Protein backbone atom coordinates (compact mmCIF):
# COMPACT_ATOMS: atom_id res chain seq x y z
CA MET A 1 282.79 141.63 110.90
CA SER A 2 281.63 142.02 107.34
CA LYS A 3 280.96 145.56 106.17
CA SER A 4 281.89 147.11 102.84
CA SER A 5 281.79 150.76 103.83
CA ILE A 6 281.49 153.14 106.73
CA PHE A 7 280.38 156.75 106.73
CA ASP A 8 282.92 159.13 108.27
CA TYR A 9 280.94 162.10 109.60
CA SER A 10 284.02 164.28 110.26
CA ALA A 11 285.23 163.93 106.64
CA GLU A 12 281.68 163.60 105.26
CA VAL A 13 282.67 160.67 103.07
CA HIS A 14 281.91 156.96 102.68
CA ARG A 15 285.05 154.85 103.16
CA SER A 16 285.23 151.56 101.29
CA LEU A 17 286.65 148.74 103.41
CA THR A 18 287.24 145.03 102.97
CA GLY A 19 288.77 142.57 105.37
CA THR A 20 288.42 139.97 108.04
CA ILE A 21 288.51 140.29 111.81
CA THR A 22 288.55 137.20 114.03
CA HIS A 23 289.52 136.62 117.67
CA VAL A 24 293.15 135.94 116.61
CA ARG A 25 293.70 137.95 113.41
CA ALA A 26 292.70 141.26 111.82
CA SER A 27 293.29 142.34 108.24
CA VAL A 28 291.45 145.35 106.80
CA HIS A 29 292.11 147.26 103.58
CA ASP A 30 290.87 150.85 103.33
CA HIS A 31 290.26 151.31 99.60
CA THR A 32 289.65 155.04 100.09
CA THR A 33 293.21 155.68 101.33
CA GLY A 34 294.89 152.55 99.98
CA ALA A 35 296.08 151.59 103.48
CA GLN A 36 296.30 148.09 104.90
CA ILE A 37 295.91 147.50 108.65
CA SER A 38 296.66 144.03 109.95
CA GLY A 39 297.96 142.11 112.93
CA SER A 40 297.29 139.39 115.45
CA GLY A 41 295.45 139.15 118.71
CA ALA A 42 294.57 136.98 121.66
CA GLY A 43 292.28 137.40 124.64
CA GLY A 44 290.71 140.58 123.24
CA SER A 45 294.03 142.40 122.62
CA TYR A 46 295.36 143.12 119.14
CA ASN A 47 298.78 144.29 118.00
CA LEU A 48 298.19 145.94 114.63
CA PHE A 49 300.35 147.62 112.01
CA HIS A 50 299.05 150.48 109.85
CA TYR A 51 300.98 150.19 106.59
CA GLY A 52 299.76 153.60 105.37
CA HIS A 53 301.29 155.38 108.39
CA GLY A 54 304.10 152.87 108.92
CA SER A 55 303.26 152.53 112.61
CA HIS A 56 301.84 150.23 115.25
CA ILE A 57 298.45 150.38 116.97
CA SER A 58 297.46 148.49 120.10
CA LEU A 59 293.76 147.70 120.58
CA ASN A 60 292.08 146.11 123.61
CA LYS A 61 288.49 144.92 123.91
CA GLU A 62 286.84 146.21 127.07
CA SER A 63 283.34 145.43 128.36
CA GLY A 64 280.36 145.56 126.02
CA GLY A 65 281.06 147.46 122.81
CA ASN A 66 284.00 149.40 124.24
CA TYR A 67 287.63 149.32 123.18
CA SER A 68 290.76 151.20 124.18
CA GLY A 69 294.04 151.60 122.38
CA PHE A 70 297.20 153.48 121.61
CA ASP A 71 298.26 154.93 118.25
CA TYR A 72 302.07 154.94 118.05
CA ALA A 73 302.03 157.29 115.02
CA THR A 74 300.46 160.10 117.04
CA GLY A 75 301.54 158.98 120.51
CA SER A 76 297.91 159.18 121.63
CA HIS A 77 295.51 156.97 123.51
CA PHE A 78 292.02 156.51 122.09
CA SER A 79 288.74 154.87 123.05
CA ILE A 80 286.08 153.32 120.83
CA THR A 81 282.41 152.81 121.63
CA VAL A 82 280.27 150.65 119.34
CA SER A 83 276.49 150.93 119.69
CA GLY A 84 274.53 149.13 116.99
CA ASN A 85 275.75 150.55 113.67
CA ASN A 86 277.26 153.66 115.28
CA VAL A 87 280.93 153.96 116.24
CA THR A 88 282.43 156.80 118.29
CA VAL A 89 286.18 157.22 118.56
CA TYR A 90 287.62 159.58 121.15
CA ASP A 91 291.20 160.69 120.46
CA TYR A 92 292.72 161.82 123.76
CA GLY A 93 295.64 163.55 122.02
CA ALA A 94 293.40 165.65 119.77
CA GLY A 95 290.73 166.00 122.45
CA ARG A 96 287.91 165.26 120.04
CA HIS A 97 285.29 162.70 119.06
CA TYR A 98 284.96 161.14 115.61
CA GLN A 99 281.62 159.62 114.53
CA TYR A 100 281.13 156.76 112.07
CA SER A 101 278.16 154.77 110.85
CA LEU A 102 278.44 151.19 109.57
């Protein structure tokens, strides 16, 4: 993945990102918040650490452009759907969708 920013519709702001995601490693820096998220993965599953929140995130690739995961900071499951340049995150704990555009 190589994108320099995403548009966060809920916050109405462009977020500047840099990083690298491969099938075995992820490292992304959010320049907007100053947070680093990184970790390792295998077989479509990643174990990540969010240094801004000081907590772990699990992320699993499902079929197509779908992902599922668990945010240990909030204790909530989430799902991600990627369709072209559009990303929808559903936070089960908050009961709401978040929309992004790459």
